Amino acid sequence: MPGIEANGMARMNTGREPLSNDDDAAPVEMLAQLFEAHGWPCEFVSDDESSGELQGSWATYQVRAIWRVEDRVLPLLCLPEIRVADAKRADAFELLGLINAQLWLGHFDIWSRGGVLLYRHGLMLGEDGLLSLSMAQIAIEAAVSECDRFYPAFQFVLWGDKSPREALDAALVDAAGEA
């Protein structure tokens, strides 16, 4: 895994102790350290929120995490830099319904203000509210994987004038052809 040494220790240059795969940390801190270990840009928006960027197969994704201490939930948002124009909203929502029916974790949504497309997943953490390195890695990989998997379908609907069903079918056929 890039950014992780053979002994399982994350390479850090922040002056903080590197975390091993067995260590847990506050969720936003763990995600920031994971991003740093991979060399992905990341910043703290507040004590309970971080934002970073990483390159997917189709686009650069912004990943945001907001720690909700009262619920012990870490919402993870992955934004693929797609805005949905008002004229395409009905088709985009139909496509969201078709896509979300295929997802086991998380879902796609469109923010009402600004028409920004996003993938959202909430990690429910235990009483201690800590996140492991492996769980952080899996959550980021899953978010980016789902964005990459369905990015072409959104392109087909928003810019290719395909129907939502045609777009999803075409995107999934194309993805199956890459394996």
N, C-alpha and C. Protein backbone atom coordinates (compact mmCIF):
# COMPACT_ATOMS: atom_id res chain seq x y z
N MET A 1 0.87 -1.17 0.00
CA MET A 1 0.00 0.00 0.00
C MET A 1 0.91 1.23 0.00
N PRO A 2 0.75 2.17 -0.95
CA PRO A 2 1.60 3.35 -0.99
C PRO A 2 1.50 4.14 0.31
N GLY A 3 2.65 4.61 0.76
CA GLY A 3 2.68 5.41 1.98
C GLY A 3 2.76 4.60 3.24
N ILE A 4 2.70 3.28 3.12
CA ILE A 4 2.79 2.41 4.29
C ILE A 4 4.05 1.56 4.12
N GLU A 5 4.90 1.56 5.11
CA GLU A 5 6.14 0.79 5.05
C GLU A 5 5.85 -0.69 5.24
N ALA A 6 6.83 -1.52 4.90
CA ALA A 6 6.67 -2.97 4.99
C ALA A 6 6.29 -3.44 6.38
N ASN A 7 6.73 -2.72 7.42
CA ASN A 7 6.41 -3.13 8.79
C ASN A 7 5.02 -2.69 9.22
N GLY A 8 4.24 -2.10 8.28
CA GLY A 8 2.88 -1.68 8.60
C GLY A 8 2.79 -0.28 9.18
N MET A 9 3.90 0.41 9.34
CA MET A 9 3.89 1.75 9.91
C MET A 9 3.69 2.78 8.80
N ALA A 10 2.81 3.71 9.03
CA ALA A 10 2.59 4.78 8.07
C ALA A 10 3.74 5.77 8.16
N ARG A 11 4.24 6.20 7.00
CA ARG A 11 5.30 7.21 6.98
C ARG A 11 4.66 8.58 7.13
N MET A 12 5.08 9.33 8.12
CA MET A 12 4.53 10.65 8.38
C MET A 12 5.67 11.65 8.45
N ASN A 13 5.38 12.89 8.10
CA ASN A 13 6.36 13.94 8.27
C ASN A 13 5.80 15.10 9.07
N THR A 14 4.84 14.80 9.93
CA THR A 14 4.19 15.86 10.69
C THR A 14 4.79 16.03 12.07
N GLY A 15 5.73 15.18 12.45
CA GLY A 15 6.25 15.23 13.80
C GLY A 15 5.43 14.38 14.75
N ARG A 16 4.27 13.90 14.32
CA ARG A 16 3.46 13.00 15.13
C ARG A 16 4.00 11.60 14.99
N GLU A 17 3.71 10.77 15.97
CA GLU A 17 4.10 9.37 15.87
C GLU A 17 3.32 8.71 14.75
N PRO A 18 3.98 7.92 13.89
CA PRO A 18 3.24 7.21 12.86
C PRO A 18 2.33 6.17 13.49
N LEU A 19 1.24 5.90 12.84
CA LEU A 19 0.29 4.92 13.35
C LEU A 19 0.55 3.57 12.71
N SER A 20 0.44 2.52 13.49
CA SER A 20 0.51 1.18 12.92
C SER A 20 -0.90 0.74 12.56
N ASN A 21 -0.99 -0.39 11.88
CA ASN A 21 -2.31 -0.90 11.50
C ASN A 21 -3.16 -1.26 12.71
N ASP A 22 -2.54 -1.42 13.89
CA ASP A 22 -3.29 -1.79 15.09
C ASP A 22 -3.75 -0.59 15.90
N ASP A 23 -3.24 0.60 15.60
CA ASP A 23 -3.60 1.80 16.35
C ASP A 23 -4.92 2.36 15.85
N ASP A 24 -5.65 2.98 16.76
CA ASP A 24 -6.86 3.70 16.42
C ASP A 24 -6.63 5.16 16.79
N ALA A 25 -7.39 6.06 16.16
CA ALA A 25 -7.25 7.48 16.46
C ALA A 25 -8.60 8.15 16.27
N ALA A 26 -8.66 9.41 16.70
CA ALA A 26 -9.87 10.19 16.43
C ALA A 26 -10.10 10.16 14.92
N PRO A 27 -11.34 10.02 14.49
CA PRO A 27 -11.63 9.76 13.08
C PRO A 27 -11.07 10.77 12.09
N VAL A 28 -11.25 12.06 12.37
CA VAL A 28 -10.77 13.07 11.43
C VAL A 28 -9.24 13.07 11.39
N GLU A 29 -8.62 12.86 12.53
CA GLU A 29 -7.15 12.77 12.59
C GLU A 29 -6.65 11.56 11.81
N MET A 30 -7.32 10.42 11.96
CA MET A 30 -6.90 9.21 11.25
C MET A 30 -6.98 9.41 9.74
N LEU A 31 -8.07 10.00 9.28
CA LEU A 31 -8.20 10.24 7.84
C LEU A 31 -7.13 11.20 7.34
N ALA A 32 -6.84 12.24 8.10
CA ALA A 32 -5.79 13.18 7.71
C ALA A 32 -4.44 12.47 7.63
N GLN A 33 -4.16 11.59 8.58
CA GLN A 33 -2.90 10.86 8.55
C GLN A 33 -2.85 9.88 7.38
N LEU A 34 -3.98 9.26 7.07
CA LEU A 34 -4.04 8.36 5.92
C LEU A 34 -3.75 9.13 4.63
N PHE A 35 -4.39 10.29 4.49
CA PHE A 35 -4.15 11.11 3.30
C PHE A 35 -2.69 11.52 3.21
N GLU A 36 -2.13 11.92 4.32
CA GLU A 36 -0.73 12.33 4.34
C GLU A 36 0.20 11.17 3.99
N ALA A 37 -0.11 9.99 4.50
CA ALA A 37 0.72 8.81 4.21
C ALA A 37 0.74 8.50 2.73
N HIS A 38 -0.37 8.79 2.05
CA HIS A 38 -0.45 8.55 0.61
C HIS A 38 0.06 9.74 -0.21
N GLY A 39 0.34 10.85 0.44
CA GLY A 39 0.77 12.05 -0.28
C GLY A 39 -0.37 12.80 -0.93
N TRP A 40 -1.59 12.56 -0.46
CA TRP A 40 -2.76 13.27 -0.99
C TRP A 40 -2.95 14.57 -0.21
N PRO A 41 -3.28 15.66 -0.88
CA PRO A 41 -3.52 16.92 -0.16
C PRO A 41 -4.68 16.77 0.82
N CYS A 42 -4.51 17.35 2.01
CA CYS A 42 -5.54 17.27 3.03
C CYS A 42 -5.38 18.46 3.97
N GLU A 43 -6.51 18.96 4.47
CA GLU A 43 -6.47 20.05 5.44
C GLU A 43 -7.59 19.88 6.45
N PHE A 44 -7.38 20.44 7.63
CA PHE A 44 -8.43 20.46 8.64
C PHE A 44 -9.28 21.69 8.39
N VAL A 45 -10.57 21.49 8.22
CA VAL A 45 -11.51 22.60 8.07
C VAL A 45 -11.86 23.13 9.45
N SER A 46 -11.97 22.22 10.42
CA SER A 46 -12.21 22.55 11.82
C SER A 46 -11.69 21.37 12.64
N ASP A 47 -11.89 21.41 13.95
CA ASP A 47 -11.46 20.30 14.80
C ASP A 47 -12.17 19.00 14.44
N ASP A 48 -13.38 19.10 13.91
CA ASP A 48 -14.19 17.93 13.62
C ASP A 48 -14.40 17.68 12.12
N GLU A 49 -13.64 18.37 11.27
CA GLU A 49 -13.85 18.22 9.83
C GLU A 49 -12.53 18.31 9.09
N SER A 50 -12.33 17.39 8.14
CA SER A 50 -11.17 17.44 7.27
C SER A 50 -11.62 17.31 5.83
N SER A 51 -10.79 17.79 4.94
CA SER A 51 -11.08 17.74 3.52
C SER A 51 -9.79 17.43 2.78
N GLY A 52 -9.89 16.53 1.82
CA GLY A 52 -8.72 16.17 1.04
C GLY A 52 -9.10 15.88 -0.40
N GLU A 53 -8.09 15.66 -1.22
CA GLU A 53 -8.32 15.35 -2.62
C GLU A 53 -7.49 14.14 -3.02
N LEU A 54 -8.07 13.33 -3.92
CA LEU A 54 -7.30 12.24 -4.49
C LEU A 54 -7.78 11.98 -5.89
N GLN A 55 -6.89 11.45 -6.69
CA GLN A 55 -7.19 11.19 -8.09
C GLN A 55 -7.84 9.83 -8.24
N GLY A 56 -9.00 9.81 -8.86
CA GLY A 56 -9.66 8.57 -9.21
C GLY A 56 -9.37 8.23 -10.66
N SER A 57 -10.07 7.27 -11.20
CA SER A 57 -9.88 6.89 -12.60
C SER A 57 -10.41 7.95 -13.56
N TRP A 58 -11.48 8.65 -13.16
CA TRP A 58 -12.14 9.58 -14.06
C TRP A 58 -11.96 11.04 -13.67
N ALA A 59 -11.69 11.32 -12.42
CA ALA A 59 -11.65 12.71 -11.96
C ALA A 59 -10.87 12.79 -10.65
N THR A 60 -10.59 14.02 -10.24
CA THR A 60 -10.07 14.27 -8.90
C THR A 60 -11.27 14.41 -7.98
N TYR A 61 -11.27 13.65 -6.90
CA TYR A 61 -12.39 13.66 -5.97
C TYR A 61 -12.02 14.42 -4.71
N GLN A 62 -12.94 15.25 -4.25
CA GLN A 62 -12.79 15.87 -2.95
C GLN A 62 -13.46 14.94 -1.94
N VAL A 63 -12.74 14.62 -0.87
CA VAL A 63 -13.27 13.75 0.18
C VAL A 63 -13.34 14.58 1.45
N ARG A 64 -14.54 14.63 2.04
CA ARG A 64 -14.75 15.39 3.27
C ARG A 64 -15.25 14.44 4.35
N ALA A 65 -14.80 14.66 5.55
CA ALA A 65 -15.25 13.88 6.70
C ALA A 65 -15.61 14.84 7.82
N ILE A 66 -16.77 14.63 8.41
CA ILE A 66 -17.26 15.48 9.50
C ILE A 66 -17.60 14.58 10.68
N TRP A 67 -16.84 14.70 11.77
CA TRP A 67 -17.06 13.86 12.94
C TRP A 67 -18.23 14.40 13.74
N ARG A 68 -19.25 13.55 13.95
CA ARG A 68 -20.43 13.90 14.74
C ARG A 68 -20.29 13.15 16.07
N VAL A 69 -19.61 13.79 17.02
CA VAL A 69 -19.28 13.16 18.30
C VAL A 69 -20.53 12.71 19.06
N GLU A 70 -21.61 13.50 18.99
CA GLU A 70 -22.81 13.17 19.74
C GLU A 70 -23.46 11.86 19.25
N ASP A 71 -23.25 11.53 17.98
CA ASP A 71 -23.82 10.30 17.41
C ASP A 71 -22.78 9.20 17.24
N ARG A 72 -21.50 9.57 17.38
CA ARG A 72 -20.38 8.68 17.08
C ARG A 72 -20.46 8.16 15.64
N VAL A 73 -20.78 9.09 14.74
CA VAL A 73 -20.89 8.78 13.32
C VAL A 73 -19.94 9.69 12.55
N LEU A 74 -19.25 9.11 11.58
CA LEU A 74 -18.36 9.87 10.71
C LEU A 74 -18.94 9.85 9.30
N PRO A 75 -19.70 10.90 8.92
CA PRO A 75 -20.14 10.98 7.53
C PRO A 75 -18.94 11.24 6.62
N LEU A 76 -18.85 10.46 5.58
CA LEU A 76 -17.78 10.58 4.59
C LEU A 76 -18.43 10.97 3.27
N LEU A 77 -18.01 12.09 2.70
CA LEU A 77 -18.56 12.58 1.44
C LEU A 77 -17.47 12.53 0.38
N CYS A 78 -17.81 12.06 -0.79
CA CYS A 78 -16.88 12.04 -1.92
C CYS A 78 -17.56 12.79 -3.05
N LEU A 79 -16.92 13.87 -3.50
CA LEU A 79 -17.51 14.75 -4.50
C LEU A 79 -16.71 14.66 -5.81
N PRO A 80 -17.35 14.16 -6.87
CA PRO A 80 -16.64 13.98 -8.13
C PRO A 80 -16.62 15.19 -9.06
N GLU A 81 -16.80 16.38 -8.55
CA GLU A 81 -16.75 17.61 -9.34
C GLU A 81 -17.76 17.61 -10.48
N ILE A 82 -18.98 17.19 -10.18
CA ILE A 82 -20.06 17.21 -11.16
C ILE A 82 -21.19 18.07 -10.61
N ARG A 83 -21.60 19.04 -11.39
CA ARG A 83 -22.77 19.84 -11.05
C ARG A 83 -23.89 19.46 -12.01
N VAL A 84 -25.08 19.33 -11.47
CA VAL A 84 -26.23 18.93 -12.27
C VAL A 84 -27.06 20.17 -12.57
N ALA A 85 -27.16 20.49 -13.85
CA ALA A 85 -27.95 21.65 -14.28
C ALA A 85 -29.43 21.38 -14.02
N ASP A 86 -30.18 22.44 -13.77
CA ASP A 86 -31.61 22.31 -13.50
C ASP A 86 -32.33 21.52 -14.58
N ALA A 87 -31.96 21.73 -15.83
CA ALA A 87 -32.62 21.06 -16.96
C ALA A 87 -32.40 19.55 -16.94
N LYS A 88 -31.36 19.08 -16.25
CA LYS A 88 -31.03 17.65 -16.22
C LYS A 88 -31.38 17.00 -14.88
N ARG A 89 -31.98 17.76 -13.96
CA ARG A 89 -32.24 17.23 -12.61
C ARG A 89 -33.15 16.00 -12.61
N ALA A 90 -34.22 16.03 -13.38
CA ALA A 90 -35.15 14.89 -13.37
C ALA A 90 -34.45 13.61 -13.82
N ASP A 91 -33.68 13.68 -14.91
CA ASP A 91 -32.94 12.50 -15.38
C ASP A 91 -31.86 12.09 -14.38
N ALA A 92 -31.20 13.07 -13.77
CA ALA A 92 -30.16 12.76 -12.79
C ALA A 92 -30.75 12.06 -11.57
N PHE A 93 -31.92 12.51 -11.10
CA PHE A 93 -32.56 11.85 -9.97
C PHE A 93 -33.02 10.43 -10.32
N GLU A 94 -33.50 10.26 -11.54
CA GLU A 94 -33.87 8.90 -11.96
C GLU A 94 -32.64 8.00 -11.98
N LEU A 95 -31.54 8.52 -12.49
CA LEU A 95 -30.29 7.76 -12.51
C LEU A 95 -29.83 7.44 -11.08
N LEU A 96 -29.94 8.42 -10.17
CA LEU A 96 -29.58 8.18 -8.77
C LEU A 96 -30.36 7.00 -8.20
N GLY A 97 -31.66 6.96 -8.49
CA GLY A 97 -32.48 5.86 -8.00
C GLY A 97 -32.00 4.52 -8.53
N LEU A 98 -31.67 4.46 -9.81
CA LEU A 98 -31.18 3.22 -10.42
C LEU A 98 -29.84 2.80 -9.83
N ILE A 99 -28.96 3.76 -9.63
CA ILE A 99 -27.63 3.47 -9.07
C ILE A 99 -27.75 3.06 -7.61
N ASN A 100 -28.48 3.84 -6.82
CA ASN A 100 -28.56 3.56 -5.38
C ASN A 100 -29.17 2.20 -5.10
N ALA A 101 -30.02 1.72 -5.99
CA ALA A 101 -30.60 0.38 -5.81
C ALA A 101 -29.54 -0.71 -5.91
N GLN A 102 -28.38 -0.39 -6.48
CA GLN A 102 -27.31 -1.37 -6.65
C GLN A 102 -26.23 -1.29 -5.58
N LEU A 103 -26.32 -0.29 -4.71
CA LEU A 103 -25.27 -0.08 -3.71
C LEU A 103 -25.63 -0.78 -2.40
N TRP A 104 -24.64 -1.40 -1.78
CA TRP A 104 -24.82 -2.02 -0.46
C TRP A 104 -24.50 -1.03 0.64
N LEU A 105 -23.54 -0.16 0.41
CA LEU A 105 -23.13 0.85 1.39
C LEU A 105 -23.15 2.22 0.73
N GLY A 106 -23.59 3.19 1.46
CA GLY A 106 -23.58 4.56 0.95
C GLY A 106 -24.63 4.78 -0.12
N HIS A 107 -24.68 6.02 -0.60
CA HIS A 107 -25.60 6.37 -1.67
C HIS A 107 -25.14 7.65 -2.34
N PHE A 108 -25.62 7.86 -3.56
CA PHE A 108 -25.38 9.10 -4.28
C PHE A 108 -26.54 10.04 -4.01
N ASP A 109 -26.24 11.34 -4.06
CA ASP A 109 -27.24 12.35 -3.80
C ASP A 109 -26.85 13.61 -4.57
N ILE A 110 -27.77 14.54 -4.65
CA ILE A 110 -27.49 15.86 -5.24
C ILE A 110 -27.87 16.89 -4.20
N TRP A 111 -26.89 17.73 -3.82
CA TRP A 111 -27.20 18.80 -2.89
C TRP A 111 -28.16 19.77 -3.54
N SER A 112 -29.20 20.17 -2.81
CA SER A 112 -30.22 21.05 -3.38
C SER A 112 -29.64 22.42 -3.72
N ARG A 113 -28.68 22.88 -2.94
CA ARG A 113 -28.05 24.17 -3.24
C ARG A 113 -26.79 23.92 -4.07
N GLY A 114 -26.82 24.36 -5.29
CA GLY A 114 -25.66 24.24 -6.15
C GLY A 114 -25.67 23.03 -7.07
N GLY A 115 -26.56 22.09 -6.84
CA GLY A 115 -26.66 20.92 -7.71
C GLY A 115 -25.42 20.05 -7.75
N VAL A 116 -24.70 19.98 -6.65
CA VAL A 116 -23.45 19.21 -6.60
C VAL A 116 -23.76 17.73 -6.35
N LEU A 117 -23.20 16.88 -7.19
CA LEU A 117 -23.33 15.44 -7.03
C LEU A 117 -22.36 14.98 -5.95
N LEU A 118 -22.80 14.02 -5.11
CA LEU A 118 -21.90 13.49 -4.09
C LEU A 118 -22.26 12.06 -3.76
N TYR A 119 -21.26 11.35 -3.27
CA TYR A 119 -21.44 10.03 -2.69
C TYR A 119 -21.30 10.21 -1.19
N ARG A 120 -22.22 9.61 -0.43
CA ARG A 120 -22.23 9.79 1.02
C ARG A 120 -22.32 8.43 1.71
N HIS A 121 -21.51 8.28 2.74
CA HIS A 121 -21.56 7.06 3.56
C HIS A 121 -21.24 7.45 5.00
N GLY A 122 -21.96 6.89 5.95
CA GLY A 122 -21.72 7.17 7.36
C GLY A 122 -21.09 5.98 8.06
N LEU A 123 -19.96 6.20 8.70
CA LEU A 123 -19.31 5.15 9.47
C LEU A 123 -19.75 5.27 10.92
N MET A 124 -20.38 4.23 11.42
CA MET A 124 -20.80 4.22 12.82
C MET A 124 -19.64 3.65 13.64
N LEU A 125 -19.12 4.47 14.54
CA LEU A 125 -17.98 4.05 15.35
C LEU A 125 -18.46 3.67 16.74
N GLY A 126 -17.66 2.92 17.44
CA GLY A 126 -18.05 2.42 18.76
C GLY A 126 -18.03 3.47 19.84
N GLU A 127 -18.20 3.01 21.07
CA GLU A 127 -18.24 3.89 22.24
C GLU A 127 -17.00 4.78 22.35
N ASP A 128 -15.84 4.24 21.94
CA ASP A 128 -14.61 5.02 22.05
C ASP A 128 -14.49 6.07 20.95
N GLY A 129 -15.29 5.95 19.88
CA GLY A 129 -15.26 6.93 18.80
C GLY A 129 -13.96 6.95 18.02
N LEU A 130 -13.26 5.82 17.96
CA LEU A 130 -11.97 5.76 17.28
C LEU A 130 -12.10 5.03 15.95
N LEU A 131 -11.22 5.38 15.03
CA LEU A 131 -11.19 4.81 13.69
C LEU A 131 -9.84 4.15 13.48
N SER A 132 -9.83 2.94 12.95
CA SER A 132 -8.58 2.24 12.67
C SER A 132 -8.07 2.64 11.29
N LEU A 133 -6.78 2.44 11.08
CA LEU A 133 -6.16 2.73 9.79
C LEU A 133 -6.79 1.89 8.69
N SER A 134 -7.01 0.60 8.97
CA SER A 134 -7.58 -0.27 7.94
C SER A 134 -9.02 0.14 7.61
N MET A 135 -9.80 0.52 8.61
CA MET A 135 -11.17 0.96 8.35
C MET A 135 -11.18 2.26 7.55
N ALA A 136 -10.28 3.17 7.87
CA ALA A 136 -10.18 4.43 7.12
C ALA A 136 -9.82 4.15 5.66
N GLN A 137 -8.86 3.27 5.44
CA GLN A 137 -8.43 2.91 4.09
C GLN A 137 -9.58 2.29 3.31
N ILE A 138 -10.29 1.36 3.92
CA ILE A 138 -11.41 0.69 3.26
C ILE A 138 -12.51 1.69 2.91
N ALA A 139 -12.83 2.60 3.83
CA ALA A 139 -13.89 3.58 3.59
C ALA A 139 -13.54 4.50 2.42
N ILE A 140 -12.31 4.97 2.36
CA ILE A 140 -11.88 5.85 1.27
C ILE A 140 -11.89 5.08 -0.05
N GLU A 141 -11.34 3.87 -0.04
CA GLU A 141 -11.31 3.07 -1.27
C GLU A 141 -12.72 2.77 -1.77
N ALA A 142 -13.66 2.47 -0.87
CA ALA A 142 -15.03 2.17 -1.28
C ALA A 142 -15.69 3.40 -1.90
N ALA A 143 -15.50 4.57 -1.30
CA ALA A 143 -16.10 5.79 -1.83
C ALA A 143 -15.57 6.11 -3.23
N VAL A 144 -14.27 6.03 -3.39
CA VAL A 144 -13.67 6.33 -4.69
C VAL A 144 -14.06 5.27 -5.72
N SER A 145 -14.11 4.03 -5.30
CA SER A 145 -14.50 2.95 -6.20
C SER A 145 -15.92 3.15 -6.74
N GLU A 146 -16.85 3.52 -5.87
CA GLU A 146 -18.23 3.74 -6.31
C GLU A 146 -18.32 4.97 -7.21
N CYS A 147 -17.58 6.02 -6.89
CA CYS A 147 -17.59 7.21 -7.76
C CYS A 147 -17.02 6.86 -9.14
N ASP A 148 -15.92 6.11 -9.16
CA ASP A 148 -15.33 5.70 -10.44
C ASP A 148 -16.28 4.79 -11.21
N ARG A 149 -16.93 3.89 -10.51
CA ARG A 149 -17.82 2.91 -11.15
C ARG A 149 -18.98 3.58 -11.88
N PHE A 150 -19.55 4.64 -11.28
CA PHE A 150 -20.74 5.24 -11.86
C PHE A 150 -20.50 6.60 -12.52
N TYR A 151 -19.28 7.11 -12.49
CA TYR A 151 -18.98 8.40 -13.11
C TYR A 151 -19.41 8.43 -14.58
N PRO A 152 -19.09 7.38 -15.37
CA PRO A 152 -19.51 7.43 -16.78
C PRO A 152 -21.02 7.53 -16.96
N ALA A 153 -21.81 6.90 -16.10
CA ALA A 153 -23.26 6.98 -16.22
C ALA A 153 -23.73 8.43 -16.07
N PHE A 154 -23.16 9.15 -15.11
CA PHE A 154 -23.53 10.55 -14.95
C PHE A 154 -23.12 11.36 -16.18
N GLN A 155 -21.95 11.07 -16.72
CA GLN A 155 -21.50 11.76 -17.94
C GLN A 155 -22.47 11.51 -19.09
N PHE A 156 -22.89 10.24 -19.26
CA PHE A 156 -23.80 9.90 -20.35
C PHE A 156 -25.13 10.64 -20.23
N VAL A 157 -25.65 10.79 -19.02
CA VAL A 157 -26.93 11.48 -18.83
C VAL A 157 -26.76 12.98 -18.96
N LEU A 158 -25.74 13.54 -18.31
CA LEU A 158 -25.61 14.99 -18.25
C LEU A 158 -25.07 15.60 -19.53
N TRP A 159 -24.19 14.89 -20.24
CA TRP A 159 -23.57 15.46 -21.44
C TRP A 159 -23.75 14.62 -22.69
N GLY A 160 -24.18 13.38 -22.54
CA GLY A 160 -24.32 12.51 -23.70
C GLY A 160 -25.76 12.29 -24.14
N ASP A 161 -26.70 12.92 -23.45
CA ASP A 161 -28.13 12.83 -23.79
C ASP A 161 -28.67 11.41 -23.85
N LYS A 162 -28.12 10.51 -23.03
CA LYS A 162 -28.69 9.16 -22.92
C LYS A 162 -29.76 9.18 -21.83
N SER A 163 -30.68 8.25 -21.92
CA SER A 163 -31.66 8.10 -20.85
C SER A 163 -30.94 7.52 -19.64
N PRO A 164 -31.50 7.68 -18.45
CA PRO A 164 -30.85 7.12 -17.26
C PRO A 164 -30.59 5.61 -17.38
N ARG A 165 -31.53 4.83 -17.89
CA ARG A 165 -31.34 3.39 -18.02
C ARG A 165 -30.23 3.08 -19.04
N GLU A 166 -30.25 3.77 -20.19
CA GLU A 166 -29.21 3.57 -21.19
C GLU A 166 -27.83 3.93 -20.63
N ALA A 167 -27.77 5.02 -19.90
CA ALA A 167 -26.51 5.48 -19.33
C ALA A 167 -25.96 4.47 -18.34
N LEU A 168 -26.81 3.96 -17.47
CA LEU A 168 -26.35 2.98 -16.48
C LEU A 168 -25.91 1.70 -17.16
N ASP A 169 -26.70 1.21 -18.10
CA ASP A 169 -26.33 0.00 -18.83
C ASP A 169 -24.99 0.16 -19.55
N ALA A 170 -24.82 1.30 -20.23
CA ALA A 170 -23.57 1.55 -20.96
C ALA A 170 -22.39 1.66 -20.02
N ALA A 171 -22.57 2.33 -18.89
CA ALA A 171 -21.47 2.50 -17.93
C ALA A 171 -21.06 1.16 -17.34
N LEU A 172 -22.02 0.33 -17.00
CA LEU A 172 -21.70 -0.96 -16.39
C LEU A 172 -21.08 -1.91 -17.40
N VAL A 173 -21.49 -1.85 -18.67
CA VAL A 173 -20.87 -2.68 -19.72
C VAL A 173 -19.43 -2.23 -19.91
N ASP A 174 -19.22 -0.91 -19.98
CA ASP A 174 -17.86 -0.39 -20.15
C ASP A 174 -16.97 -0.79 -18.99
N ALA A 175 -17.49 -0.70 -17.76
CA ALA A 175 -16.71 -1.06 -16.59
C ALA A 175 -16.38 -2.54 -16.62
N ALA A 176 -17.34 -3.38 -17.03
CA ALA A 176 -17.10 -4.82 -17.09
C ALA A 176 -16.04 -5.14 -18.12
N GLY A 177 -15.95 -4.34 -19.18
CA GLY A 177 -14.95 -4.57 -20.22
C GLY A 177 -13.53 -4.24 -19.81
N GLU A 178 -13.36 -3.46 -18.74
CA GLU A 178 -12.03 -3.07 -18.30
C GLU A 178 -11.34 -4.18 -17.51
N ALA A 179 -12.10 -5.09 -16.94
CA ALA A 179 -11.52 -6.14 -16.08
C ALA A 179 -10.75 -7.07 -16.95
